Protein backbone atom coordinates (compact mmCIF):
# COMPACT_ATOMS: atom_id res chain seq x y z
CA UNK A 1 18.47 63.26 -19.93
CA UNK A 2 19.33 60.36 -17.61
CA UNK A 3 15.59 59.73 -17.19
CA UNK A 4 15.19 59.05 -20.93
CA UNK A 5 18.32 56.89 -21.01
CA UNK A 6 16.98 54.67 -18.22
CA UNK A 7 13.62 54.38 -19.98
CA UNK A 8 15.32 53.46 -23.28
CA UNK A 9 17.41 50.77 -21.59
CA UNK A 10 14.28 49.20 -20.11
CA UNK A 11 12.27 49.29 -23.34
CA UNK A 12 13.49 45.98 -24.86
CA UNK A 13 12.94 44.19 -21.55
CA UNK A 14 9.40 45.58 -21.26
CA UNK A 15 8.65 44.29 -24.76
CA UNK A 16 9.84 40.82 -23.79
CA UNK A 17 7.35 40.47 -20.91
CA UNK A 18 4.07 39.06 -22.26
CA UNK A 19 0.91 40.68 -20.89
CA UNK A 20 -2.25 38.54 -20.97
CA UNK A 21 -5.69 39.90 -21.80
CA UNK A 22 -8.67 39.05 -19.61
CA UNK A 23 -11.67 37.37 -21.12
CA UNK A 24 -14.00 40.31 -21.73
CA UNK A 25 -17.72 39.76 -21.09
CA UNK A 26 -19.84 42.74 -22.10
CA UNK A 27 -23.55 43.45 -21.88
CA UNK A 28 -26.58 44.09 -19.73
CA UNK A 29 -27.22 41.45 -17.08
CA UNK A 30 -23.85 39.75 -17.54
CA UNK A 31 -23.07 40.17 -13.83
CA UNK A 32 -25.69 37.49 -13.20
CA UNK A 33 -23.53 35.00 -15.14
CA UNK A 34 -20.58 35.25 -12.75
CA UNK A 35 -21.43 31.88 -11.22
CA UNK A 36 -20.87 30.31 -14.64
CA UNK A 37 -17.42 31.82 -14.84
CA UNK A 38 -16.60 30.68 -11.33
CA UNK A 39 -17.47 27.14 -12.38
CA UNK A 40 -15.40 27.57 -15.56
CA UNK A 41 -12.36 28.47 -13.44
CA UNK A 42 -13.11 25.85 -10.74
CA UNK A 43 -13.86 28.43 -8.04
CA UNK A 44 -16.26 27.22 -5.34
CA UNK A 45 -15.38 29.59 -2.46
CA UNK A 46 -14.60 33.05 -3.80
CA UNK A 47 -13.64 36.02 -1.67
CA UNK A 48 -15.81 38.90 -2.88
CA UNK A 49 -13.84 42.12 -2.44
CA UNK A 50 -16.00 45.25 -2.37
CA UNK A 51 -16.96 48.18 -0.16
CA UNK A 52 -19.78 48.86 2.28
CA UNK A 53 -21.44 51.49 0.10
CA UNK A 54 -21.90 49.17 -2.88
CA UNK A 55 -23.06 46.36 -0.64
CA UNK A 56 -25.52 48.68 1.12
CA UNK A 57 -26.93 49.90 -2.19
CA UNK A 58 -27.78 46.32 -3.10
CA UNK A 59 -25.65 46.30 -6.25
CA UNK A 60 -24.23 42.89 -5.36
CA UNK A 61 -27.58 41.28 -4.53
CA UNK A 62 -28.22 39.74 -7.94
CA UNK A 63 -24.73 38.35 -8.29
CA UNK A 64 -24.66 36.96 -4.75
CA UNK A 65 -28.03 35.30 -5.27
CA UNK A 66 -26.83 33.68 -8.50
CA UNK A 67 -23.71 32.40 -6.73
CA UNK A 68 -25.80 30.95 -3.91
CA UNK A 69 -28.18 29.28 -6.38
CA UNK A 70 -25.18 27.65 -8.05
CA UNK A 71 -23.91 26.31 -4.74
CA UNK A 72 -20.97 28.69 -4.65
CA UNK A 73 -20.23 29.82 -1.10
CA UNK A 74 -18.92 33.40 -1.26
CA UNK A 75 -17.16 35.19 1.59
CA UNK A 76 -17.79 38.95 1.47
CA UNK A 77 -14.93 41.29 2.34
CA UNK A 78 -16.41 44.81 2.34
CA UNK A 79 -13.69 46.73 4.19
CA UNK A 80 -12.25 48.49 1.13
CA UNK A 81 -12.10 52.28 1.27
CA UNK A 82 -10.74 54.75 -1.30
CA UNK A 83 -6.97 54.37 -1.67
CA UNK A 84 -6.76 50.95 0.05
CA UNK A 85 -3.75 50.65 2.34
CA UNK A 86 -1.56 47.81 3.56
CA UNK A 87 -3.76 47.19 6.60
CA UNK A 88 -6.85 46.65 4.43
CA UNK A 89 -5.01 44.20 2.20
CA UNK A 90 -3.76 42.29 5.24
CA UNK A 91 -7.31 42.03 6.58
CA UNK A 92 -8.47 40.66 3.22
CA UNK A 93 -5.66 38.09 3.18
CA UNK A 94 -6.63 36.95 6.67
CA UNK A 95 -10.28 36.50 5.66
CA UNK A 96 -9.31 34.66 2.46
CA UNK A 97 -7.21 32.18 4.41
CA UNK A 98 -9.64 31.79 7.31
CA UNK A 99 -12.49 30.89 4.96
CA UNK A 100 -10.49 28.53 2.75
CA UNK A 101 -11.22 30.57 -0.38
CA UNK A 102 -10.03 29.43 -3.80
CA UNK A 103 -10.63 32.48 -5.96
CA UNK A 104 -11.40 36.20 -5.88
CA UNK A 105 -14.22 38.33 -7.25
CA UNK A 106 -13.51 42.06 -7.30
CA UNK A 107 -16.69 44.16 -7.39
CA UNK A 108 -16.33 47.94 -7.47
CA UNK A 109 -14.21 50.76 -8.77
CA UNK A 110 -10.44 50.90 -8.91
CA UNK A 111 -9.98 50.62 -5.15
CA UNK A 112 -11.74 47.24 -4.68
CA UNK A 113 -10.15 45.83 -7.84
CA UNK A 114 -6.66 46.96 -6.84
CA UNK A 115 -7.21 45.69 -3.31
CA UNK A 116 -8.38 42.32 -4.67
CA UNK A 117 -5.25 42.01 -6.81
CA UNK A 118 -3.02 42.86 -3.85
CA UNK A 119 -4.81 40.30 -1.67
CA UNK A 120 -4.39 37.66 -4.36
CA UNK A 121 -0.71 38.47 -4.81
CA UNK A 122 -0.04 38.38 -1.07
CA UNK A 123 -1.86 35.08 -0.59
CA UNK A 124 -0.14 33.41 -3.52
CA UNK A 125 3.38 34.57 -2.69
CA UNK A 126 2.90 34.14 1.08
CA UNK A 127 4.51 37.55 1.45
CA UNK A 128 3.29 40.60 3.32
CA UNK A 129 1.87 43.21 0.96
CA UNK A 130 4.55 45.71 1.98
CA UNK A 131 7.14 43.51 0.25
CA UNK A 132 5.29 43.35 -3.08
CA UNK A 133 5.45 46.89 -4.57
CA UNK A 134 7.75 47.07 -7.56
CA UNK A 135 8.14 45.15 -10.79
CA UNK A 136 7.68 41.40 -11.20
CA UNK A 137 7.45 40.44 -7.53
CA UNK A 138 4.65 37.84 -7.89
CA UNK A 139 6.54 35.28 -10.03
CA UNK A 140 3.66 32.83 -10.35
CA UNK A 141 0.01 32.60 -11.47
CA UNK A 142 -2.44 33.81 -8.85
CA UNK A 143 -5.75 32.14 -8.12
CA UNK A 144 -8.61 32.93 -10.58
CA UNK A 145 -9.68 36.56 -10.25
CA UNK A 146 -12.86 37.92 -11.84
CA UNK A 147 -13.11 41.72 -11.98
CA UNK A 148 -16.47 43.50 -12.17
CA UNK A 149 -15.96 47.27 -12.48
CA UNK A 150 -18.77 49.51 -11.28
CA UNK A 151 -17.14 52.63 -12.76
CA UNK A 152 -15.79 53.32 -16.23
CA UNK A 153 -12.39 54.80 -15.60
CA UNK A 154 -9.58 52.96 -13.85
CA UNK A 155 -9.26 50.12 -16.33
CA UNK A 156 -7.84 48.05 -13.46
CA UNK A 157 -9.86 45.08 -14.69
CA UNK A 158 -7.35 44.72 -17.55
CA UNK A 159 -4.06 45.91 -16.08
CA UNK A 160 -0.94 44.40 -14.56
CA UNK A 161 -0.89 46.76 -11.58
CA UNK A 162 -2.44 47.11 -8.15
CA UNK A 163 -1.98 50.46 -6.43
CA UNK A 164 -1.93 50.48 -2.63
CA UNK A 165 -1.26 53.27 -0.15
CA UNK A 166 1.59 53.34 2.31
CA UNK A 167 0.05 55.47 5.07
CA UNK A 168 3.30 56.02 6.95
CA UNK A 169 5.22 57.48 4.00
CA UNK A 170 2.17 59.16 2.42
CA UNK A 171 2.88 57.45 -0.90
CA UNK A 172 1.01 55.24 -3.31
CA UNK A 173 2.89 52.09 -4.27
CA UNK A 174 2.29 49.98 -7.36
CA UNK A 175 2.54 46.20 -7.41
CA UNK A 176 3.22 45.44 -11.07
CA UNK A 177 3.23 41.95 -12.51
CA UNK A 178 1.45 40.33 -15.52
CA UNK A 179 0.25 37.57 -13.20
CA UNK A 180 -2.09 40.14 -11.57
CA UNK A 181 -4.20 40.53 -14.74
CA UNK A 182 -7.70 39.14 -13.97
CA UNK A 183 -8.93 36.01 -15.72
CA UNK A 184 -12.12 37.77 -16.75
CA UNK A 185 -13.55 41.29 -16.85
CA UNK A 186 -17.33 41.56 -16.66
CA UNK A 187 -18.51 44.89 -18.11
CA UNK A 188 -22.19 45.22 -17.24
CA UNK A 189 -23.70 48.67 -17.82
CA UNK A 190 -26.67 47.85 -15.61
CA UNK A 191 -24.58 48.17 -12.44
CA UNK A 192 -23.29 51.57 -13.58
CA UNK A 193 -26.68 53.18 -14.26
CA UNK A 194 -27.00 54.72 -10.80
CA UNK A 195 -23.51 56.18 -10.70
CA UNK A 196 -23.68 59.85 -9.63
CA UNK A 197 -22.75 62.45 -12.29
CA UNK A 198 -19.63 63.63 -10.45
CA UNK A 199 -18.19 60.11 -10.16
CA UNK A 200 -19.19 59.41 -13.75
CA UNK A 201 -17.25 62.49 -14.86
CA UNK A 202 -14.15 61.93 -12.75
CA UNK A 203 -13.75 58.25 -13.53
CA UNK A 204 -14.43 58.92 -17.22
CA UNK A 205 -11.61 61.46 -17.36
CA UNK A 206 -9.38 58.90 -15.66
CA UNK A 207 -9.94 56.66 -18.71
CA UNK A 208 -9.19 59.61 -21.00
CA UNK A 209 -5.94 60.27 -19.14
CA UNK A 210 -4.89 56.63 -19.45
CA UNK A 211 -5.54 56.71 -23.18
CA UNK A 212 -3.69 59.98 -23.79
CA UNK A 213 -0.66 59.12 -21.66
CA UNK A 214 -0.49 55.69 -23.28
CA UNK A 215 -0.56 57.17 -26.77
CA UNK A 216 2.23 59.63 -25.90
CA UNK A 217 4.37 56.98 -24.17
CA UNK A 218 7.78 56.10 -25.61
CA UNK A 219 6.71 52.45 -25.23
CA UNK A 220 3.62 52.90 -27.41
CA UNK A 221 3.19 50.83 -30.58
CA UNK A 222 0.59 50.58 -33.34
CA UNK A 223 -1.63 48.21 -31.32
CA UNK A 224 -1.64 50.29 -28.13
CA UNK A 225 -2.13 53.54 -30.04
CA UNK A 226 -5.15 52.09 -31.83
CA UNK A 227 -6.69 51.14 -28.46
CA UNK A 228 -5.86 54.60 -27.10
CA UNK A 229 -7.47 56.35 -30.07
CA UNK A 230 -10.61 54.20 -29.75
CA UNK A 231 -10.87 55.11 -26.07
CA UNK A 232 -10.27 58.84 -26.60
CA UNK A 233 -12.93 59.05 -29.31
CA UNK A 234 -15.43 57.13 -27.19
CA UNK A 235 -14.83 59.32 -24.13
CA UNK A 236 -15.38 62.53 -26.10
CA UNK A 237 -18.60 61.14 -27.59
CA UNK A 238 -20.15 59.19 -24.73
CA UNK A 239 -18.89 60.64 -21.44
CA UNK A 240 -21.00 63.84 -21.75
CA UNK A 241 -24.04 61.65 -22.51
CA UNK A 242 -23.46 59.42 -19.49
CA UNK A 243 -22.85 62.50 -17.33
CA UNK A 244 -26.09 64.20 -18.39
CA UNK A 245 -28.21 61.04 -18.40
CA UNK A 246 -26.99 58.33 -16.07
CA UNK A 247 -29.64 55.93 -17.37
CA UNK A 248 -28.23 55.99 -20.92
CA UNK A 249 -27.28 52.33 -21.15
CA UNK A 250 -25.49 52.66 -24.49
CA UNK A 251 -23.31 55.48 -23.16
CA UNK A 252 -22.51 53.46 -20.03
CA UNK A 253 -21.50 50.41 -22.07
CA UNK A 254 -19.40 52.45 -24.50
CA UNK A 255 -17.62 54.13 -21.58
CA UNK A 256 -17.00 50.75 -19.95
CA UNK A 257 -15.34 49.56 -23.15
CA UNK A 258 -13.36 52.80 -23.44
CA UNK A 259 -12.05 52.30 -19.92
CA UNK A 260 -11.18 48.69 -20.65
CA UNK A 261 -9.33 49.53 -23.89
CA UNK A 262 -7.46 52.39 -22.25
CA UNK A 263 -6.50 49.98 -19.48
CA UNK A 264 -5.21 47.41 -21.97
CA UNK A 265 -3.20 50.16 -23.65
CA UNK A 266 -1.55 51.79 -20.66
CA UNK A 267 -0.73 48.52 -18.92
CA UNK A 268 1.56 47.87 -21.91
CA UNK A 269 2.99 51.38 -22.18
CA UNK A 270 2.95 52.78 -18.62
CA UNK A 271 1.70 56.22 -17.65
CA UNK A 272 3.22 59.70 -17.28
CA UNK A 273 3.47 62.89 -15.29
CA UNK A 274 -0.30 63.34 -14.96
CA UNK A 275 -0.48 60.20 -12.87
CA UNK A 276 2.80 60.88 -11.07
CA UNK A 277 1.43 64.19 -9.80
CA UNK A 278 -2.13 62.94 -9.22
CA UNK A 279 -0.81 60.09 -7.08
CA UNK A 280 0.77 62.60 -4.71
CA UNK A 281 -2.47 64.59 -4.43
CA UNK A 282 -4.22 61.36 -3.52
CA UNK A 283 -1.56 60.28 -1.03
CA UNK A 284 -1.31 63.70 0.68
CA UNK A 285 -4.94 64.86 0.60
CA UNK A 286 -7.04 61.87 -0.53
CA UNK A 287 -8.15 63.76 -3.64
CA UNK A 288 -10.11 61.17 -5.69
CA UNK A 289 -7.81 59.80 -8.36
CA UNK A 290 -9.97 60.64 -11.36
CA UNK A 291 -10.51 64.21 -10.17
CA UNK A 292 -6.79 64.68 -9.54
CA UNK A 293 -5.97 63.40 -13.03
CA UNK A 294 -8.60 65.67 -14.56
CA UNK A 295 -7.21 68.81 -12.90
CA UNK A 296 -3.60 67.99 -13.74
CA UNK A 297 -4.14 66.75 -17.33
CA UNK A 298 -4.42 70.10 -19.19
CA UNK A 299 -1.33 71.47 -17.45
CA UNK A 300 0.83 68.49 -18.38
CA UNK A 301 -0.47 68.59 -21.96
CA UNK A 302 0.45 72.27 -22.19
CA UNK A 303 3.91 71.48 -20.82
CA UNK A 304 4.36 68.90 -23.59
CA UNK A 305 2.83 71.14 -26.27
CA UNK A 306 5.18 74.02 -25.42
CA UNK A 307 8.07 71.76 -26.44
CA UNK A 308 6.62 71.08 -29.91
CA UNK A 309 6.32 67.40 -29.15
CA UNK A 310 5.80 65.33 -32.29
CA UNK A 311 3.77 62.61 -30.57
CA UNK A 312 1.23 65.11 -29.25
CA UNK A 313 1.02 66.76 -32.65
CA UNK A 314 0.42 63.39 -34.31
CA UNK A 315 -2.27 62.54 -31.78
CA UNK A 316 -4.07 65.83 -32.44
CA UNK A 317 -3.88 65.49 -36.21
CA UNK A 318 -5.00 61.84 -36.13
CA UNK A 319 -8.06 62.85 -34.11
CA UNK A 320 -8.89 65.53 -36.69
CA UNK A 321 -7.63 68.66 -34.93
CA UNK A 322 -5.52 71.26 -36.74
CA UNK A 323 -2.81 71.23 -34.11
CA UNK A 324 -2.12 70.11 -30.56
CA UNK A 325 -3.26 73.41 -29.05
CA UNK A 326 -6.74 72.86 -30.49
CA UNK A 327 -6.81 69.36 -29.05
CA UNK A 328 -5.90 70.68 -25.60
CA UNK A 329 -8.67 73.26 -25.87
CA UNK A 330 -11.08 70.41 -26.66
CA UNK A 331 -9.92 68.58 -23.53
CA UNK A 332 -10.46 71.73 -21.46
CA UNK A 333 -13.91 72.16 -22.99
CA UNK A 334 -14.83 68.62 -22.00
CA UNK A 335 -13.65 69.24 -18.43
CA UNK A 336 -15.73 72.42 -18.26
CA UNK A 337 -18.81 70.56 -19.55
CA UNK A 338 -18.28 67.98 -16.80
CA UNK A 339 -17.94 70.68 -14.11
CA UNK A 340 -14.45 69.50 -13.15
CA UNK A 341 -12.85 72.03 -10.77
CA UNK A 342 -9.79 73.89 -12.07
CA UNK A 343 -8.03 74.11 -8.71
CA UNK A 344 -7.14 71.62 -5.99
CA UNK A 345 -8.96 72.98 -2.95
CA UNK A 346 -6.92 70.82 -0.57
CA UNK A 347 -3.53 71.88 -1.95
CA UNK A 348 -1.29 73.73 0.50
CA UNK A 349 1.49 75.95 -0.86
CA UNK A 350 3.98 74.76 1.74
CA UNK A 351 3.49 71.14 0.57
CA UNK A 352 4.32 71.88 -3.07
CA UNK A 353 8.10 71.24 -2.85
CA UNK A 354 7.53 67.84 -1.27
CA UNK A 355 4.75 66.97 -3.73
CA UNK A 356 6.90 67.92 -6.71
CA UNK A 357 9.93 66.04 -5.44
CA UNK A 358 7.87 62.90 -4.83
CA UNK A 359 6.15 63.09 -8.24
CA UNK A 360 9.43 63.41 -10.14
CA UNK A 361 10.93 60.63 -8.03
CA UNK A 362 8.00 58.36 -8.94
CA UNK A 363 8.37 59.04 -12.64
CA UNK A 364 12.16 59.08 -12.83
CA UNK A 365 13.47 56.28 -15.01
CA UNK A 366 10.11 54.49 -14.78
CA UNK A 367 7.57 56.40 -16.85
CA UNK A 368 8.36 56.67 -20.58
CA UNK A 369 7.20 60.29 -20.86
CA UNK A 370 7.45 62.17 -24.18
CA UNK A 371 9.13 65.18 -22.53
CA UNK A 372 11.21 65.31 -19.36
CA UNK A 373 10.10 67.48 -16.43
CA UNK A 374 12.29 68.55 -13.52
CA UNK A 375 11.31 69.29 -9.92
CA UNK A 376 11.21 73.07 -10.43
CA UNK A 377 8.92 72.74 -13.47
CA UNK A 378 6.68 70.39 -11.50
CA UNK A 379 6.48 72.93 -8.68
CA UNK A 380 5.39 75.61 -11.15
CA UNK A 381 2.71 73.30 -12.50
CA UNK A 382 1.41 72.58 -8.99
CA UNK A 383 1.37 76.29 -8.15
CA UNK A 384 -1.04 76.78 -11.06
CA UNK A 385 -3.42 74.39 -9.28
CA UNK A 386 -3.57 76.50 -6.11
CA UNK A 387 -6.94 78.07 -5.44
CA UNK A 388 -5.82 81.70 -5.38
CA UNK A 389 -9.19 82.83 -4.06
CA UNK A 390 -8.73 80.72 -0.94
CA UNK A 391 -5.24 82.04 -0.16
């Protein structure tokens, strides 16, 4: 009960904090126009934050050539790995400062974009990244940041948060401040065409999770719920198409927009227990975030449904389902079609108490969840994710 009281107390303050929207540039070949946007924001020496895989695949070649042709001298920081940690952010800050950069271009999935935001926040505040997790720690506009997502899922190109890993404590920490929202989000389906089916599926379900948790949030309003509904409908229609045919440009673009809208929604409403639990699976075992969300999602929805939650019922009815149970079955059917595993292969039974405790601690008083979950209930949920055949 105290959880809901704390959330209710914070609600009016959350409403008072304005959240900007990035300029959204959508369409094939738009990544080649990044130089124009750098000029628009007076950026002449951007730090390009990406990873070695994307750079090696040549996905940045066109953009880098267009920057060079425009006389824009980019410094490439390609050290980002999944779940970027404090050390990676510090290395990026050092390179930014050493090269006299004046802006940031984030090119990649959620990890490069989050890392880019953390670098920008650390540079601007002149504070070590370890001091930035929490709410409203930036306090000032950061340098221009252009986000170019290569996956349709995290929505980080439109959110106020940057998630970084604290290796020592095995936790993921969120730096949350409206000043971290990028100036522009470039959604180019061309750079997503070669995305493998598994990553397409897992990142797509990440967008679905954002949309559902945002809709169910106690902070949700008519605007955010409309964005959530748009994203949910698009994911159900276009994610299977993108999964089966990675060259389907329309499906890629629709999924990119679904991810963006879900990001705009949840950055205004926060997330819920799906993410709280998935974050622990990522921190403990490096389970990819989208996959962790996908495996946890049906279990959390069933937990909510068992309590006859009105918000979940309304969501199901609005989407055209007879009741929430049918909607959950539809979610499970989508996960089956995408070959999402039902169990967390890395999960160890002896870790479950610590995982549950950390998940509930993360959510407590912070996430405006529609139903409250305690540590014991979270442990039971995690036990359902154990691969019994491997025990």
